Amino acid sequence: MKFLGHATAVDMLEHLSHAVLSSGLKPAEMVQISMDGPSVNWKFYKLIKEKLSNDYDTKVLNVGSCGLHTVHNSFKTGAVAFGRCKIKS
């Protein structure tokens, strides 16, 4: 999805719905929405969460405004705990 100029959360929801949800992908398999934190992204998250709940009876995982770091650090902690990687000092 690509926007030139200003896009609202409603614009983003409309384009995501058209491009992704209507493309044959299963909404129940959508796990998380990545964002960079501005208010429009939180509004978009709220709208997509409501749409998925109302239209598809599914939920997305909220791992905060920077999900990549949260998921990466969680995976790294698990890998260290199971001896799959070592942290360099």
PDB file of N, CA and C in Angstrom:
ATOM      1  N   MET A   1       0.856  -1.146   0.000  1.00  0.00           N
ATOM      2  CA  MET A   1       0.000   0.000   0.000  1.00  0.00           C
ATOM      3  C   MET A   1       0.910   1.217   0.000  1.00  0.00           C
ATOM      4  N   LYS A   2       0.615   2.190  -0.841  1.00  0.00           N
ATOM      5  CA  LYS A   2       1.461   3.366  -0.953  1.00  0.00           C
ATOM      6  C   LYS A   2       0.597   4.603  -1.067  1.00  0.00           C
ATOM      7  N   PHE A   3       0.933   5.609  -0.271  1.00  0.00           N
ATOM      8  CA  PHE A   3       0.214   6.876  -0.301  1.00  0.00           C
ATOM      9  C   PHE A   3       1.188   7.996  -0.600  1.00  0.00           C
ATOM     10  N   LEU A   4       0.752   8.929  -1.380  1.00  0.00           N
ATOM     11  CA  LEU A   4       1.515  10.148  -1.610  1.00  0.00           C
ATOM     12  C   LEU A   4       0.772  11.261  -0.907  1.00  0.00           C
ATOM     13  N   GLY A   5       1.433  11.941  -0.004  1.00  0.00           N
ATOM     14  CA  GLY A   5       0.752  12.991   0.746  1.00  0.00           C
ATOM     15  C   GLY A   5       0.097  12.441   1.995  1.00  0.00           C
ATOM     16  N   HIS A   6      -0.977  13.082   2.400  1.00  0.00           N
ATOM     17  CA  HIS A   6      -1.648  12.752   3.656  1.00  0.00           C
ATOM     18  C   HIS A   6      -2.642  11.606   3.476  1.00  0.00           C
ATOM     19  N   ALA A   7      -2.629  10.677   4.403  1.00  0.00           N
ATOM     20  CA  ALA A   7      -3.603   9.581   4.411  1.00  0.00           C
ATOM     21  C   ALA A   7      -4.169   9.456   5.820  1.00  0.00           C
ATOM     22  N   THR A   8      -5.460   9.278   5.918  1.00  0.00           N
ATOM     23  CA  THR A   8      -6.096   9.097   7.221  1.00  0.00           C
ATOM     24  C   THR A   8      -6.163   7.607   7.548  1.00  0.00           C
ATOM     25  N   ALA A   9      -6.499   7.312   8.788  1.00  0.00           N
ATOM     26  CA  ALA A   9      -6.667   5.924   9.203  1.00  0.00           C
ATOM     27  C   ALA A   9      -7.784   5.254   8.403  1.00  0.00           C
ATOM     28  N   VAL A  10      -8.826   6.005   8.094  1.00  0.00           N
ATOM     29  CA  VAL A  10      -9.940   5.466   7.304  1.00  0.00           C
ATOM     30  C   VAL A  10      -9.463   5.136   5.886  1.00  0.00           C
ATOM     31  N   ASP A  11      -8.625   5.996   5.297  1.00  0.00           N
ATOM     32  CA  ASP A  11      -8.041   5.709   3.976  1.00  0.00           C
ATOM     33  C   ASP A  11      -7.239   4.415   4.019  1.00  0.00           C
ATOM     34  N   MET A  12      -6.421   4.283   5.058  1.00  0.00           N
ATOM     35  CA  MET A  12      -5.582   3.090   5.182  1.00  0.00           C
ATOM     36  C   MET A  12      -6.434   1.837   5.326  1.00  0.00           C
ATOM     37  N   LEU A  13      -7.501   1.908   6.122  1.00  0.00           N
ATOM     38  CA  LEU A  13      -8.386   0.756   6.302  1.00  0.00           C
ATOM     39  C   LEU A  13      -9.049   0.374   4.989  1.00  0.00           C
ATOM     40  N   GLU A  14      -9.504   1.364   4.260  1.00  0.00           N
ATOM     41  CA  GLU A  14     -10.153   1.107   2.971  1.00  0.00           C
ATOM     42  C   GLU A  14      -9.191   0.415   2.003  1.00  0.00           C
ATOM     43  N   HIS A  15      -7.968   0.926   1.916  1.00  0.00           N
ATOM     44  CA  HIS A  15      -6.992   0.335   0.993  1.00  0.00           C
ATOM     45  C   HIS A  15      -6.536  -1.048   1.458  1.00  0.00           C
ATOM     46  N   LEU A  16      -6.347  -1.229   2.757  1.00  0.00           N
ATOM     47  CA  LEU A  16      -5.971  -2.549   3.254  1.00  0.00           C
ATOM     48  C   LEU A  16      -7.080  -3.553   2.982  1.00  0.00           C
ATOM     49  N   SER A  17      -8.309  -3.151   3.247  1.00  0.00           N
ATOM     50  CA  SER A  17      -9.446  -4.043   3.007  1.00  0.00           C
ATOM     51  C   SER A  17      -9.503  -4.461   1.549  1.00  0.00           C
ATOM     52  N   HIS A  18      -9.312  -3.517   0.661  1.00  0.00           N
ATOM     53  CA  HIS A  18      -9.358  -3.819  -0.773  1.00  0.00           C
ATOM     54  C   HIS A  18      -8.162  -4.672  -1.204  1.00  0.00           C
ATOM     55  N   ALA A  19      -6.974  -4.268  -0.817  1.00  0.00           N
ATOM     56  CA  ALA A  19      -5.753  -4.920  -1.303  1.00  0.00           C
ATOM     57  C   ALA A  19      -5.471  -6.263  -0.642  1.00  0.00           C
ATOM     58  N   VAL A  20      -5.721  -6.373   0.641  1.00  0.00           N
ATOM     59  CA  VAL A  20      -5.332  -7.588   1.359  1.00  0.00           C
ATOM     60  C   VAL A  20      -6.523  -8.468   1.695  1.00  0.00           C
ATOM     61  N   LEU A  21      -7.484  -7.910   2.409  1.00  0.00           N
ATOM     62  CA  LEU A  21      -8.600  -8.731   2.874  1.00  0.00           C
ATOM     63  C   LEU A  21      -9.443  -9.271   1.721  1.00  0.00           C
ATOM     64  N   SER A  22      -9.521  -8.523   0.628  1.00  0.00           N
ATOM     65  CA  SER A  22     -10.310  -8.966  -0.520  1.00  0.00           C
ATOM     66  C   SER A  22      -9.504  -9.788  -1.520  1.00  0.00           C
ATOM     67  N   SER A  23      -8.226 -10.044  -1.215  1.00  0.00           N
ATOM     68  CA  SER A  23      -7.354 -10.723  -2.173  1.00  0.00           C
ATOM     69  C   SER A  23      -7.335 -12.237  -2.015  1.00  0.00           C
ATOM     70  N   GLY A  24      -8.076 -12.751  -1.057  1.00  0.00           N
ATOM     71  CA  GLY A  24      -8.073 -14.190  -0.843  1.00  0.00           C
ATOM     72  C   GLY A  24      -7.286 -14.596   0.396  1.00  0.00           C
ATOM     73  N   LEU A  25      -6.569 -13.643   0.991  1.00  0.00           N
ATOM     74  CA  LEU A  25      -5.881 -13.957   2.237  1.00  0.00           C
ATOM     75  C   LEU A  25      -6.929 -14.136   3.329  1.00  0.00           C
ATOM     76  N   LYS A  26      -6.659 -15.001   4.275  1.00  0.00           N
ATOM     77  CA  LYS A  26      -7.618 -15.278   5.337  1.00  0.00           C
ATOM     78  C   LYS A  26      -7.414 -14.293   6.493  1.00  0.00           C
ATOM     79  N   PRO A  27      -8.410 -13.456   6.780  1.00  0.00           N
ATOM     80  CA  PRO A  27      -8.276 -12.484   7.865  1.00  0.00           C
ATOM     81  C   PRO A  27      -7.968 -13.132   9.210  1.00  0.00           C
ATOM     82  N   ALA A  28      -8.438 -14.335   9.444  1.00  0.00           N
ATOM     83  CA  ALA A  28      -8.185 -15.018  10.714  1.00  0.00           C
ATOM     84  C   ALA A  28      -6.701 -15.346  10.887  1.00  0.00           C
ATOM     85  N   GLU A  29      -5.933 -15.301   9.804  1.00  0.00           N
ATOM     86  CA  GLU A  29      -4.508 -15.589   9.882  1.00  0.00           C
ATOM     87  C   GLU A  29      -3.658 -14.333  10.032  1.00  0.00           C
ATOM     88  N   MET A  30      -4.298 -13.159  10.025  1.00  0.00           N
ATOM     89  CA  MET A  30      -3.568 -11.915  10.263  1.00  0.00           C
ATOM     90  C   MET A  30      -3.266 -11.858  11.748  1.00  0.00           C
ATOM     91  N   VAL A  31      -2.008 -11.678  12.090  1.00  0.00           N
ATOM     92  CA  VAL A  31      -1.610 -11.737  13.482  1.00  0.00           C
ATOM     93  C   VAL A  31      -1.362 -10.360  14.068  1.00  0.00           C
ATOM     94  N   GLN A  32      -0.630  -9.501  13.349  1.00  0.00           N
ATOM     95  CA  GLN A  32      -0.192  -8.249  13.926  1.00  0.00           C
ATOM     96  C   GLN A  32      -0.068  -7.190  12.848  1.00  0.00           C
ATOM     97  N   ILE A  33      -0.324  -5.946  13.215  1.00  0.00           N
ATOM     98  CA  ILE A  33      -0.174  -4.807  12.321  1.00  0.00           C
ATOM     99  C   ILE A  33       1.053  -4.031  12.791  1.00  0.00           C
ATOM    100  N   SER A  34       2.012  -3.812  11.916  1.00  0.00           N
ATOM    101  CA  SER A  34       3.191  -3.028  12.285  1.00  0.00           C
ATOM    102  C   SER A  34       2.923  -1.556  12.051  1.00  0.00           C
ATOM    103  N   MET A  35       3.537  -0.728  12.874  1.00  0.00           N
ATOM    104  CA  MET A  35       3.331   0.715  12.761  1.00  0.00           C
ATOM    105  C   MET A  35       4.547   1.429  13.307  1.00  0.00           C
ATOM    106  N   ASP A  36       4.600   2.725  13.042  1.00  0.00           N
ATOM    107  CA  ASP A  36       5.709   3.507  13.574  1.00  0.00           C
ATOM    108  C   ASP A  36       5.281   4.436  14.698  1.00  0.00           C
ATOM    109  N   GLY A  37       4.058   4.348  15.165  1.00  0.00           N
ATOM    110  CA  GLY A  37       3.643   5.025  16.371  1.00  0.00           C
ATOM    111  C   GLY A  37       2.768   6.261  16.289  1.00  0.00           C
ATOM    112  N   PRO A  38       2.730   7.017  15.181  1.00  0.00           N
ATOM    113  CA  PRO A  38       1.896   8.224  15.172  1.00  0.00           C
ATOM    114  C   PRO A  38       0.417   7.914  15.402  1.00  0.00           C
ATOM    115  N   SER A  39      -0.314   8.938  15.784  1.00  0.00           N
ATOM    116  CA  SER A  39      -1.728   8.774  16.132  1.00  0.00           C
ATOM    117  C   SER A  39      -2.549   8.123  15.035  1.00  0.00           C
ATOM    118  N   VAL A  40      -2.275   8.457  13.770  1.00  0.00           N
ATOM    119  CA  VAL A  40      -3.054   7.857  12.688  1.00  0.00           C
ATOM    120  C   VAL A  40      -2.892   6.337  12.686  1.00  0.00           C
ATOM    121  N   ASN A  41      -1.720   5.841  13.057  1.00  0.00           N
ATOM    122  CA  ASN A  41      -1.514   4.394  13.100  1.00  0.00           C
ATOM    123  C   ASN A  41      -2.297   3.747  14.231  1.00  0.00           C
ATOM    124  N   TRP A  42      -2.383   4.411  15.387  1.00  0.00           N
ATOM    125  CA  TRP A  42      -3.189   3.864  16.478  1.00  0.00           C
ATOM    126  C   TRP A  42      -4.665   3.872  16.108  1.00  0.00           C
ATOM    127  N   LYS A  43      -5.115   4.896  15.410  1.00  0.00           N
ATOM    128  CA  LYS A  43      -6.494   4.950  14.930  1.00  0.00           C
ATOM    129  C   LYS A  43      -6.734   3.824  13.933  1.00  0.00           C
ATOM    130  N   PHE A  44      -5.775   3.610  13.017  1.00  0.00           N
ATOM    131  CA  PHE A  44      -5.878   2.521  12.052  1.00  0.00           C
ATOM    132  C   PHE A  44      -5.939   1.178  12.773  1.00  0.00           C
ATOM    133  N   TYR A  45      -5.094   1.002  13.784  1.00  0.00           N
ATOM    134  CA  TYR A  45      -5.099  -0.246  14.545  1.00  0.00           C
ATOM    135  C   TYR A  45      -6.479  -0.484  15.164  1.00  0.00           C
ATOM    136  N   LYS A  46      -7.050   0.573  15.754  1.00  0.00           N
ATOM    137  CA  LYS A  46      -8.377   0.460  16.363  1.00  0.00           C
ATOM    138  C   LYS A  46      -9.419   0.062  15.314  1.00  0.00           C
ATOM    139  N   LEU A  47      -9.380   0.694  14.143  1.00  0.00           N
ATOM    140  CA  LEU A  47     -10.351   0.400  13.084  1.00  0.00           C
ATOM    141  C   LEU A  47     -10.193  -1.020  12.542  1.00  0.00           C
ATOM    142  N   ILE A  48      -8.955  -1.454  12.299  1.00  0.00           N
ATOM    143  CA  ILE A  48      -8.751  -2.804  11.737  1.00  0.00           C
ATOM    144  C   ILE A  48      -9.119  -3.855  12.788  1.00  0.00           C
ATOM    145  N   LYS A  49      -8.829  -3.568  14.060  1.00  0.00           N
ATOM    146  CA  LYS A  49      -9.209  -4.493  15.128  1.00  0.00           C
ATOM    147  C   LYS A  49     -10.729  -4.659  15.175  1.00  0.00           C
ATOM    148  N   GLU A  50     -11.454  -3.547  15.083  1.00  0.00           N
ATOM    149  CA  GLU A  50     -12.919  -3.599  15.085  1.00  0.00           C
ATOM    150  C   GLU A  50     -13.453  -4.323  13.856  1.00  0.00           C
ATOM    151  N   LYS A  51     -12.875  -4.036  12.689  1.00  0.00           N
ATOM    152  CA  LYS A  51     -13.325  -4.679  11.453  1.00  0.00           C
ATOM    153  C   LYS A  51     -13.107  -6.194  11.510  1.00  0.00           C
ATOM    154  N   LEU A  52     -11.922  -6.610  11.939  1.00  0.00           N
ATOM    155  CA  LEU A  52     -11.645  -8.040  12.019  1.00  0.00           C
ATOM    156  C   LEU A  52     -12.547  -8.721  13.035  1.00  0.00           C
ATOM    157  N   SER A  53     -12.813  -8.065  14.138  1.00  0.00           N
ATOM    158  CA  SER A  53     -13.691  -8.637  15.156  1.00  0.00           C
ATOM    159  C   SER A  53     -15.131  -8.738  14.652  1.00  0.00           C
ATOM    160  N   ASN A  54     -15.625  -7.650  14.076  1.00  0.00           N
ATOM    161  CA  ASN A  54     -17.025  -7.619  13.628  1.00  0.00           C
ATOM    162  C   ASN A  54     -17.277  -8.468  12.387  1.00  0.00           C
ATOM    163  N   ASP A  55     -16.387  -8.377  11.402  1.00  0.00           N
ATOM    164  CA  ASP A  55     -16.621  -9.041  10.118  1.00  0.00           C
ATOM    165  C   ASP A  55     -16.109 -10.480  10.060  1.00  0.00           C
ATOM    166  N   TYR A  56     -15.058 -10.798  10.837  1.00  0.00           N
ATOM    167  CA  TYR A  56     -14.413 -12.105  10.705  1.00  0.00           C
ATOM    168  C   TYR A  56     -14.278 -12.860  12.027  1.00  0.00           C
ATOM    169  N   ASP A  57     -14.785 -12.280  13.119  1.00  0.00           N
ATOM    170  CA  ASP A  57     -14.717 -12.899  14.443  1.00  0.00           C
ATOM    171  C   ASP A  57     -13.293 -13.346  14.793  1.00  0.00           C
ATOM    172  N   THR A  58     -12.330 -12.446  14.557  1.00  0.00           N
ATOM    173  CA  THR A  58     -10.938 -12.740  14.879  1.00  0.00           C
ATOM    174  C   THR A  58     -10.292 -11.503  15.496  1.00  0.00           C
ATOM    175  N   LYS A  59      -9.129 -11.672  16.090  1.00  0.00           N
ATOM    176  CA  LYS A  59      -8.428 -10.583  16.757  1.00  0.00           C
ATOM    177  C   LYS A  59      -6.996 -10.493  16.248  1.00  0.00           C
ATOM    178  N   VAL A  60      -6.407  -9.298  16.373  1.00  0.00           N
ATOM    179  CA  VAL A  60      -4.985  -9.129  16.093  1.00  0.00           C
ATOM    180  C   VAL A  60      -4.263  -8.960  17.418  1.00  0.00           C
ATOM    181  N   LEU A  61      -3.001  -9.281  17.422  1.00  0.00           N
ATOM    182  CA  LEU A  61      -2.177  -9.198  18.615  1.00  0.00           C
ATOM    183  C   LEU A  61      -1.601  -7.791  18.735  1.00  0.00           C
ATOM    184  N   ASN A  62      -1.769  -7.158  19.874  1.00  0.00           N
ATOM    185  CA  ASN A  62      -1.207  -5.833  20.111  1.00  0.00           C
ATOM    186  C   ASN A  62       0.121  -6.000  20.836  1.00  0.00           C
ATOM    187  N   VAL A  63       1.216  -5.770  20.110  1.00  0.00           N
ATOM    188  CA  VAL A  63       2.541  -5.837  20.730  1.00  0.00           C
ATOM    189  C   VAL A  63       3.165  -4.449  20.809  1.00  0.00           C
ATOM    190  N   GLY A  64       2.312  -3.421  20.818  1.00  0.00           N
ATOM    191  CA  GLY A  64       2.791  -2.057  20.962  1.00  0.00           C
ATOM    192  C   GLY A  64       3.057  -1.394  19.625  1.00  0.00           C
ATOM    193  N   SER A  65       3.556  -0.166  19.707  1.00  0.00           N
ATOM    194  CA  SER A  65       3.754   0.613  18.489  1.00  0.00           C
ATOM    195  C   SER A  65       4.970   0.175  17.690  1.00  0.00           C
ATOM    196  N   CYS A  66       5.851  -0.587  18.287  1.00  0.00           N
ATOM    197  CA  CYS A  66       7.027  -1.069  17.553  1.00  0.00           C
ATOM    198  C   CYS A  66       7.119  -2.577  17.735  1.00  0.00           C
ATOM    199  N   GLY A  67       6.228  -3.286  17.095  1.00  0.00           N
ATOM    200  CA  GLY A  67       6.122  -4.730  17.254  1.00  0.00           C
ATOM    201  C   GLY A  67       7.350  -5.499  16.826  1.00  0.00           C
ATOM    202  N   LEU A  68       8.073  -4.988  15.836  1.00  0.00           N
ATOM    203  CA  LEU A  68       9.266  -5.692  15.361  1.00  0.00           C
ATOM    204  C   LEU A  68      10.266  -5.883  16.498  1.00  0.00           C
ATOM    205  N   HIS A  69      10.532  -4.831  17.266  1.00  0.00           N
ATOM    206  CA  HIS A  69      11.484  -4.941  18.365  1.00  0.00           C
ATOM    207  C   HIS A  69      10.968  -5.871  19.455  1.00  0.00           C
ATOM    208  N   THR A  70       9.694  -5.790  19.761  1.00  0.00           N
ATOM    209  CA  THR A  70       9.103  -6.636  20.797  1.00  0.00           C
ATOM    210  C   THR A  70       9.209  -8.106  20.417  1.00  0.00           C
ATOM    211  N   VAL A  71       8.831  -8.423  19.198  1.00  0.00           N
ATOM    212  CA  VAL A  71       8.873  -9.816  18.741  1.00  0.00           C
ATOM    213  C   VAL A  71      10.321 -10.299  18.646  1.00  0.00           C
ATOM    214  N   HIS A  72      11.220  -9.471  18.110  1.00  0.00           N
ATOM    215  CA  HIS A  72      12.630  -9.848  17.994  1.00  0.00           C
ATOM    216  C   HIS A  72      13.224 -10.157  19.365  1.00  0.00           C
ATOM    217  N   ASN A  73      13.002  -9.263  20.332  1.00  0.00           N
ATOM    218  CA  ASN A  73      13.567  -9.474  21.664  1.00  0.00           C
ATOM    219  C   ASN A  73      12.957 -10.689  22.358  1.00  0.00           C
ATOM    220  N   SER A  74      11.685 -10.939  22.140  1.00  0.00           N
ATOM    221  CA  SER A  74      11.053 -12.131  22.710  1.00  0.00           C
ATOM    222  C   SER A  74      11.650 -13.394  22.119  1.00  0.00           C
ATOM    223  N   PHE A  75      11.828 -13.398  20.796  1.00  0.00           N
ATOM    224  CA  PHE A  75      12.424 -14.561  20.137  1.00  0.00           C
ATOM    225  C   PHE A  75      13.860 -14.777  20.617  1.00  0.00           C
ATOM    226  N   LYS A  76      14.625 -13.690  20.714  1.00  0.00           N
ATOM    227  CA  LYS A  76      16.014 -13.782  21.154  1.00  0.00           C
ATOM    228  C   LYS A  76      16.092 -14.345  22.572  1.00  0.00           C
ATOM    229  N   THR A  77      15.229 -13.876  23.475  1.00  0.00           N
ATOM    230  CA  THR A  77      15.220 -14.363  24.852  1.00  0.00           C
ATOM    231  C   THR A  77      14.920 -15.861  24.895  1.00  0.00           C
ATOM    232  N   GLY A  78      13.943 -16.300  24.083  1.00  0.00           N
ATOM    233  CA  GLY A  78      13.624 -17.729  24.024  1.00  0.00           C
ATOM    234  C   GLY A  78      14.765 -18.553  23.464  1.00  0.00           C
ATOM    235  N   ALA A  79      15.418 -18.029  22.425  1.00  0.00           N
ATOM    236  CA  ALA A  79      16.543 -18.756  21.818  1.00  0.00           C
ATOM    237  C   ALA A  79      17.698 -18.891  22.806  1.00  0.00           C
ATOM    238  N   VAL A  80      17.981 -17.840  23.564  1.00  0.00           N
ATOM    239  CA  VAL A  80      19.044 -17.893  24.569  1.00  0.00           C
ATOM    240  C   VAL A  80      18.674 -18.900  25.654  1.00  0.00           C
ATOM    241  N   ALA A  81      17.425 -18.888  26.097  1.00  0.00           N
ATOM    242  CA  ALA A  81      16.980 -19.793  27.166  1.00  0.00           C
ATOM    243  C   ALA A  81      17.103 -21.255  26.747  1.00  0.00           C
ATOM    244  N   PHE A  82      16.903 -21.526  25.474  1.00  0.00           N
ATOM    245  CA  PHE A  82      17.000 -22.910  24.985  1.00  0.00           C
ATOM    246  C   PHE A  82      18.364 -23.236  24.437  1.00  0.00           C
ATOM    247  N   GLY A  83      19.334 -22.330  24.619  1.00  0.00           N
ATOM    248  CA  GLY A  83      20.696 -22.583  24.196  1.00  0.00           C
ATOM    249  C   GLY A  83      20.917 -22.533  22.697  1.00  0.00           C
ATOM    250  N   ARG A  84      20.023 -21.893  21.963  1.00  0.00           N
ATOM    251  CA  ARG A  84      20.124 -21.816  20.503  1.00  0.00           C
ATOM    252  C   ARG A  84      20.976 -20.643  20.014  1.00  0.00           C
ATOM    253  N   CYS A  85      21.267 -19.698  20.898  1.00  0.00           N
ATOM    254  CA  CYS A  85      22.161 -18.608  20.526  1.00  0.00           C
ATOM    255  C   CYS A  85      22.805 -18.052  21.784  1.00  0.00           C
ATOM    256  N   LYS A  86      23.920 -17.380  21.588  1.00  0.00           N
ATOM    257  CA  LYS A  86      24.620 -16.787  22.712  1.00  0.00           C
ATOM    258  C   LYS A  86      24.717 -15.298  22.501  1.00  0.00           C
ATOM    259  N   ILE A  87      24.535 -14.554  23.547  1.00  0.00           N
ATOM    260  CA  ILE A  87      24.638 -13.102  23.510  1.00  0.00           C
ATOM    261  C   ILE A  87      26.113 -12.744  23.679  1.00  0.00           C
ATOM    262  N   LYS A  88      26.623 -11.931  22.768  1.00  0.00           N
ATOM    263  CA  LYS A  88      28.015 -11.489  22.873  1.00  0.00           C
ATOM    264  C   LYS A  88      28.103 -10.364  23.885  1.00  0.00           C
ATOM    265  N   SER A  89      29.103 -10.435  24.764  1.00  0.00           N
ATOM    266  CA  SER A  89      29.285  -9.390  25.792  1.00  0.00           C
ATOM    267  C   SER A  89      29.964  -8.181  25.209  1.00  0.00           C
TER     268      SER A  89
END
